[in-house]
PDB file of N, CA and C in Angstrom:
ATOM      1  N   MET A   1       9.816  12.321  11.137  1.00  0.00           N
ATOM      2  CA  MET A   1       8.703  11.594  10.550  1.00  0.00           C
ATOM      3  C   MET A   1       8.562  10.267  11.284  1.00  0.00           C
ATOM      4  N   ALA A   2       7.331   9.860  11.505  1.00  0.00           N
ATOM      5  CA  ALA A   2       7.072   8.606  12.203  1.00  0.00           C
ATOM      6  C   ALA A   2       7.547   7.428  11.359  1.00  0.00           C
ATOM      7  N   GLU A   3       7.914   6.380  12.050  1.00  0.00           N
ATOM      8  CA  GLU A   3       8.376   5.178  11.357  1.00  0.00           C
ATOM      9  C   GLU A   3       7.202   4.541  10.623  1.00  0.00           C
ATOM     10  N   GLU A   4       7.390   4.209   9.349  1.00  0.00           N
ATOM     11  CA  GLU A   4       6.325   3.628   8.538  1.00  0.00           C
ATOM     12  C   GLU A   4       6.187   2.144   8.823  1.00  0.00           C
ATOM     13  N   GLU A   5       4.951   1.680   8.732  1.00  0.00           N
ATOM     14  CA  GLU A   5       4.678   0.258   8.886  1.00  0.00           C
ATOM     15  C   GLU A   5       4.807  -0.399   7.520  1.00  0.00           C
ATOM     16  N   HIS A   6       5.593  -1.451   7.444  1.00  0.00           N
ATOM     17  CA  HIS A   6       5.781  -2.171   6.182  1.00  0.00           C
ATOM     18  C   HIS A   6       5.328  -3.607   6.361  1.00  0.00           C
ATOM     19  N   LYS A   7       4.692  -4.124   5.339  1.00  0.00           N
ATOM     20  CA  LYS A   7       4.216  -5.489   5.342  1.00  0.00           C
ATOM     21  C   LYS A   7       4.615  -6.122   4.025  1.00  0.00           C
ATOM     22  N   GLU A   8       5.030  -7.359   4.061  1.00  0.00           N
ATOM     23  CA  GLU A   8       5.427  -8.061   2.846  1.00  0.00           C
ATOM     24  C   GLU A   8       4.372  -9.108   2.513  1.00  0.00           C
ATOM     25  N   ILE A   9       3.959  -9.142   1.256  1.00  0.00           N
ATOM     26  CA  ILE A   9       2.939 -10.079   0.802  1.00  0.00           C
ATOM     27  C   ILE A   9       3.489 -10.856  -0.382  1.00  0.00           C
ATOM     28  N   GLU A  10       3.324 -12.170  -0.364  1.00  0.00           N
ATOM     29  CA  GLU A  10       3.736 -12.967  -1.518  1.00  0.00           C
ATOM     30  C   GLU A  10       2.567 -13.074  -2.481  1.00  0.00           C
ATOM     31  N   ILE A  11       2.855 -12.922  -3.758  1.00  0.00           N
ATOM     32  CA  ILE A  11       1.839 -13.067  -4.784  1.00  0.00           C
ATOM     33  C   ILE A  11       1.820 -14.527  -5.217  1.00  0.00           C
ATOM     34  N   GLY A  12       0.671 -15.177  -5.060  1.00  0.00           N
ATOM     35  CA  GLY A  12       0.552 -16.590  -5.411  1.00  0.00           C
ATOM     36  C   GLY A  12       1.543 -17.417  -4.623  1.00  0.00           C
ATOM     37  N   THR A  13       2.218 -18.329  -5.308  1.00  0.00           N
ATOM     38  CA  THR A  13       3.209 -19.166  -4.643  1.00  0.00           C
ATOM     39  C   THR A  13       4.627 -18.774  -5.032  1.00  0.00           C
ATOM     40  N   MET A  14       4.758 -17.667  -5.754  1.00  0.00           N
ATOM     41  CA  MET A  14       6.083 -17.218  -6.171  1.00  0.00           C
ATOM     42  C   MET A  14       6.853 -16.715  -4.953  1.00  0.00           C
ATOM     43  N   ALA A  15       8.019 -17.272  -4.721  1.00  0.00           N
ATOM     44  CA  ALA A  15       8.814 -16.870  -3.577  1.00  0.00           C
ATOM     45  C   ALA A  15      10.027 -16.057  -4.001  1.00  0.00           C
ATOM     46  N   GLU A  16      10.173 -15.822  -5.293  1.00  0.00           N
ATOM     47  CA  GLU A  16      11.319 -15.066  -5.773  1.00  0.00           C
ATOM     48  C   GLU A  16      11.162 -13.604  -5.390  1.00  0.00           C
ATOM     49  N   GLU A  17      12.260 -12.951  -5.100  1.00  0.00           N
ATOM     50  CA  GLU A  17      12.258 -11.577  -4.603  1.00  0.00           C
ATOM     51  C   GLU A  17      11.471 -10.618  -5.490  1.00  0.00           C
ATOM     52  N   GLU A  18      11.592 -10.728  -6.805  1.00  0.00           N
ATOM     53  CA  GLU A  18      10.930  -9.772  -7.690  1.00  0.00           C
ATOM     54  C   GLU A  18       9.413  -9.942  -7.737  1.00  0.00           C
ATOM     55  N   HIS A  19       8.880 -10.986  -7.142  1.00  0.00           N
ATOM     56  CA  HIS A  19       7.438 -11.217  -7.154  1.00  0.00           C
ATOM     57  C   HIS A  19       6.781 -10.815  -5.842  1.00  0.00           C
ATOM     58  N   LYS A  20       7.541 -10.266  -4.910  1.00  0.00           N
ATOM     59  CA  LYS A  20       6.977  -9.870  -3.625  1.00  0.00           C
ATOM     60  C   LYS A  20       6.508  -8.424  -3.684  1.00  0.00           C
ATOM     61  N   ILE A  21       5.425  -8.157  -2.982  1.00  0.00           N
ATOM     62  CA  ILE A  21       4.857  -6.823  -2.911  1.00  0.00           C
ATOM     63  C   ILE A  21       4.914  -6.364  -1.454  1.00  0.00           C
ATOM     64  N   CYS A  22       5.368  -5.151  -1.234  1.00  0.00           N
ATOM     65  CA  CYS A  22       5.396  -4.568   0.103  1.00  0.00           C
ATOM     66  C   CYS A  22       4.304  -3.522   0.214  1.00  0.00           C
ATOM     67  N   GLU A  23       3.791  -3.338   1.424  1.00  0.00           N
ATOM     68  CA  GLU A  23       2.768  -2.341   1.697  1.00  0.00           C
ATOM     69  C   GLU A  23       3.254  -1.391   2.779  1.00  0.00           C
ATOM     70  N   SER A  24       2.823  -0.146   2.691  1.00  0.00           N
ATOM     71  CA  SER A  24       3.065   0.818   3.760  1.00  0.00           C
ATOM     72  C   SER A  24       1.924   1.819   3.767  1.00  0.00           C
ATOM     73  N   LYS A  25       1.671   2.414   4.922  1.00  0.00           N
ATOM     74  CA  LYS A  25       0.609   3.405   5.026  1.00  0.00           C
ATOM     75  C   LYS A  25       0.923   4.573   4.110  1.00  0.00           C
ATOM     76  N   SER A  26      -0.106   5.071   3.461  1.00  0.00           N
ATOM     77  CA  SER A  26       0.059   6.233   2.588  1.00  0.00           C
ATOM     78  C   SER A  26       0.461   7.443   3.417  1.00  0.00           C
ATOM     79  N   GLY A  27       1.404   8.205   2.893  1.00  0.00           N
ATOM     80  CA  GLY A  27       1.824   9.429   3.561  1.00  0.00           C
ATOM     81  C   GLY A  27       0.982  10.630   3.163  1.00  0.00           C
ATOM     82  N   LYS A  28       0.155  10.475   2.134  1.00  0.00           N
ATOM     83  CA  LYS A  28      -0.620  11.604   1.620  1.00  0.00           C
ATOM     84  C   LYS A  28      -2.127  11.453   1.780  1.00  0.00           C
ATOM     85  N   PHE A  29      -2.620  10.228   1.940  1.00  0.00           N
ATOM     86  CA  PHE A  29      -4.066  10.015   2.059  1.00  0.00           C
ATOM     87  C   PHE A  29      -4.543  10.548   3.400  1.00  0.00           C
ATOM     88  N   LYS A  30      -5.605  11.351   3.386  1.00  0.00           N
ATOM     89  CA  LYS A  30      -6.149  11.940   4.616  1.00  0.00           C
ATOM     90  C   LYS A  30      -7.526  11.351   4.906  1.00  0.00           C
ATOM     91  N   GLY A  31      -7.786  11.069   6.161  1.00  0.00           N
ATOM     92  CA  GLY A  31      -9.092  10.574   6.576  1.00  0.00           C
ATOM     93  C   GLY A  31      -9.226   9.068   6.442  1.00  0.00           C
ATOM     94  N   MET A  32     -10.468   8.602   6.649  1.00  0.00           N
ATOM     95  CA  MET A  32     -10.740   7.168   6.534  1.00  0.00           C
ATOM     96  C   MET A  32     -10.845   6.778   5.067  1.00  0.00           C
ATOM     97  N   CYS A  33     -10.439   5.569   4.774  1.00  0.00           N
ATOM     98  CA  CYS A  33     -10.389   5.068   3.400  1.00  0.00           C
ATOM     99  C   CYS A  33     -11.575   4.137   3.150  1.00  0.00           C
ATOM    100  N   PHE A  34     -12.495   4.571   2.294  1.00  0.00           N
ATOM    101  CA  PHE A  34     -13.668   3.757   1.996  1.00  0.00           C
ATOM    102  C   PHE A  34     -13.669   3.217   0.570  1.00  0.00           C
ATOM    103  N   LEU A  35     -13.000   3.909  -0.341  1.00  0.00           N
ATOM    104  CA  LEU A  35     -12.975   3.479  -1.738  1.00  0.00           C
ATOM    105  C   LEU A  35     -11.552   3.138  -2.163  1.00  0.00           C
ATOM    106  N   ASP A  36     -11.344   1.882  -2.551  1.00  0.00           N
ATOM    107  CA  ASP A  36     -10.023   1.453  -3.008  1.00  0.00           C
ATOM    108  C   ASP A  36      -9.523   2.315  -4.161  1.00  0.00           C
ATOM    109  N   ALA A  37     -10.431   2.739  -5.042  1.00  0.00           N
ATOM    110  CA  ALA A  37     -10.029   3.535  -6.207  1.00  0.00           C
ATOM    111  C   ALA A  37      -9.410   4.871  -5.789  1.00  0.00           C
ATOM    112  N   ASN A  38      -9.933   5.494  -4.734  1.00  0.00           N
ATOM    113  CA  ASN A  38      -9.361   6.759  -4.251  1.00  0.00           C
ATOM    114  C   ASN A  38      -7.968   6.531  -3.670  1.00  0.00           C
ATOM    115  N   CYS A  39      -7.839   5.494  -2.870  1.00  0.00           N
ATOM    116  CA  CYS A  39      -6.550   5.149  -2.271  1.00  0.00           C
ATOM    117  C   CYS A  39      -5.535   4.833  -3.365  1.00  0.00           C
ATOM    118  N   ASP A  40      -5.943   4.045  -4.341  1.00  0.00           N
ATOM    119  CA  ASP A  40      -5.079   3.658  -5.451  1.00  0.00           C
ATOM    120  C   ASP A  40      -4.557   4.893  -6.187  1.00  0.00           C
ATOM    121  N   SER A  41      -5.445   5.841  -6.434  1.00  0.00           N
ATOM    122  CA  SER A  41      -5.082   7.064  -7.149  1.00  0.00           C
ATOM    123  C   SER A  41      -4.055   7.893  -6.371  1.00  0.00           C
ATOM    124  N   ILE A  42      -4.284   8.063  -5.074  1.00  0.00           N
ATOM    125  CA  ILE A  42      -3.354   8.825  -4.230  1.00  0.00           C
ATOM    126  C   ILE A  42      -2.003   8.112  -4.172  1.00  0.00           C
ATOM    127  N   CYS A  43      -2.025   6.802  -3.996  1.00  0.00           N
ATOM    128  CA  CYS A  43      -0.780   6.036  -3.884  1.00  0.00           C
ATOM    129  C   CYS A  43       0.048   6.088  -5.162  1.00  0.00           C
ATOM    130  N   LYS A  44      -0.602   6.034  -6.315  1.00  0.00           N
ATOM    131  CA  LYS A  44       0.138   6.073  -7.578  1.00  0.00           C
ATOM    132  C   LYS A  44       0.892   7.385  -7.752  1.00  0.00           C
ATOM    133  N   ALA A  45       0.482   8.432  -7.040  1.00  0.00           N
ATOM    134  CA  ALA A  45       1.176   9.718  -7.091  1.00  0.00           C
ATOM    135  C   ALA A  45       2.352   9.766  -6.111  1.00  0.00           C
ATOM    136  N   GLU A  46       2.461   8.787  -5.223  1.00  0.00           N
ATOM    137  CA  GLU A  46       3.569   8.734  -4.271  1.00  0.00           C
ATOM    138  C   GLU A  46       4.751   8.008  -4.921  1.00  0.00           C
ATOM    139  N   PRO A  47       5.964   8.505  -4.716  1.00  0.00           N
ATOM    140  CA  PRO A  47       7.157   7.913  -5.350  1.00  0.00           C
ATOM    141  C   PRO A  47       7.321   6.418  -5.040  1.00  0.00           C
ATOM    142  N   GLY A  48       7.488   5.631  -6.088  1.00  0.00           N
ATOM    143  CA  GLY A  48       7.753   4.203  -5.944  1.00  0.00           C
ATOM    144  C   GLY A  48       6.528   3.320  -5.792  1.00  0.00           C
ATOM    145  N   SER A  49       5.376   3.912  -5.518  1.00  0.00           N
ATOM    146  CA  SER A  49       4.164   3.116  -5.308  1.00  0.00           C
ATOM    147  C   SER A  49       3.522   2.735  -6.635  1.00  0.00           C
ATOM    148  N   THR A  50       2.983   1.524  -6.677  1.00  0.00           N
ATOM    149  CA  THR A  50       2.330   1.036  -7.894  1.00  0.00           C
ATOM    150  C   THR A  50       0.816   0.995  -7.758  1.00  0.00           C
ATOM    151  N   GLY A  51       0.305   1.237  -6.566  1.00  0.00           N
ATOM    152  CA  GLY A  51      -1.132   1.214  -6.336  1.00  0.00           C
ATOM    153  C   GLY A  51      -1.426   1.248  -4.856  1.00  0.00           C
ATOM    154  N   GLY A  52      -2.680   1.001  -4.512  1.00  0.00           N
ATOM    155  CA  GLY A  52      -3.049   1.009  -3.108  1.00  0.00           C
ATOM    156  C   GLY A  52      -4.448   0.479  -2.885  1.00  0.00           C
ATOM    157  N   HIS A  53      -4.777   0.218  -1.606  1.00  0.00           N
ATOM    158  CA  HIS A  53      -6.107  -0.254  -1.242  1.00  0.00           C
ATOM    159  C   HIS A  53      -6.398   0.071   0.215  1.00  0.00           C
ATOM    160  N   CYS A  54      -7.689   0.082   0.550  1.00  0.00           N
ATOM    161  CA  CYS A  54      -8.135   0.328   1.921  1.00  0.00           C
ATOM    162  C   CYS A  54      -8.037  -0.980   2.701  1.00  0.00           C
ATOM    163  N   HIS A  55      -7.692  -0.868   3.987  1.00  0.00           N
ATOM    164  CA  HIS A  55      -7.484  -2.085   4.757  1.00  0.00           C
ATOM    165  C   HIS A  55      -7.764  -1.846   6.238  1.00  0.00           C
ATOM    166  N   GLY A  56      -8.286  -2.860   6.885  1.00  0.00           N
ATOM    167  CA  GLY A  56      -8.429  -2.875   8.334  1.00  0.00           C
ATOM    168  C   GLY A  56      -9.696  -2.229   8.877  1.00  0.00           C
ATOM    169  N   ILE A  57      -9.898  -2.414  10.167  1.00  0.00           N
ATOM    170  CA  ILE A  57     -11.060  -1.873  10.867  1.00  0.00           C
ATOM    171  C   ILE A  57     -11.082  -0.351  10.797  1.00  0.00           C
ATOM    172  N   PHE A  58      -9.910   0.266  10.870  1.00  0.00           N
ATOM    173  CA  PHE A  58      -9.823   1.723  10.876  1.00  0.00           C
ATOM    174  C   PHE A  58      -9.759   2.318   9.475  1.00  0.00           C
ATOM    175  N   ARG A  59      -9.904   1.457   8.447  1.00  0.00           N
ATOM    176  CA  ARG A  59      -9.966   1.884   7.044  1.00  0.00           C
ATOM    177  C   ARG A  59      -8.804   2.805   6.686  1.00  0.00           C
ATOM    178  N   ILE A  60      -7.614   2.246   6.720  1.00  0.00           N
ATOM    179  CA  ILE A  60      -6.386   2.971   6.406  1.00  0.00           C
ATOM    180  C   ILE A  60      -5.978   2.659   4.975  1.00  0.00           C
ATOM    181  N   CYS A  61      -5.480   3.671   4.280  1.00  0.00           N
ATOM    182  CA  CYS A  61      -5.003   3.510   2.906  1.00  0.00           C
ATOM    183  C   CYS A  61      -3.567   2.994   2.937  1.00  0.00           C
ATOM    184  N   TYR A  62      -3.349   1.837   2.338  1.00  0.00           N
ATOM    185  CA  TYR A  62      -2.014   1.261   2.226  1.00  0.00           C
ATOM    186  C   TYR A  62      -1.568   1.290   0.771  1.00  0.00           C
ATOM    187  N   CYS A  63      -0.354   1.764   0.551  1.00  0.00           N
ATOM    188  CA  CYS A  63       0.225   1.789  -0.791  1.00  0.00           C
ATOM    189  C   CYS A  63       1.044   0.516  -1.007  1.00  0.00           C
ATOM    190  N   THR A  64       1.092   0.056  -2.248  1.00  0.00           N
ATOM    191  CA  THR A  64       1.856  -1.140  -2.593  1.00  0.00           C
ATOM    192  C   THR A  64       3.007  -0.775  -3.523  1.00  0.00           C
ATOM    193  N   LYS A  65       4.086  -1.556  -3.421  1.00  0.00           N
ATOM    194  CA  LYS A  65       5.233  -1.391  -4.313  1.00  0.00           C
ATOM    195  C   LYS A  65       6.049  -2.673  -4.281  1.00  0.00           C
ATOM    196  N   PRO A  66       6.843  -2.919  -5.323  1.00  0.00           N
ATOM    197  CA  PRO A  66       7.715  -4.101  -5.308  1.00  0.00           C
ATOM    198  C   PRO A  66       8.726  -3.987  -4.168  1.00  0.00           C
ATOM    199  N   CYS A  67       9.008  -5.093  -3.511  1.00  0.00           N
ATOM    200  CA  CYS A  67       9.983  -5.086  -2.405  1.00  0.00           C
ATOM    201  C   CYS A  67      11.399  -4.943  -2.925  1.00  0.00           C
TER     202      CYS A  67
END
């Protein structure tokens, strides 16, 4: 399996570990991502993910989860 891209995002100004959110490309979403609601739904079905959104020029679905 290809190495997943992970990104760390701080929520607000909270720097504590439990307040950080990590993102990674969805392993199940197929095609270009135009609706955040579709991405969110697919991501919530992936283990450990709490949601998702479309991002970038190439409209890729990224799933979110606590770091």
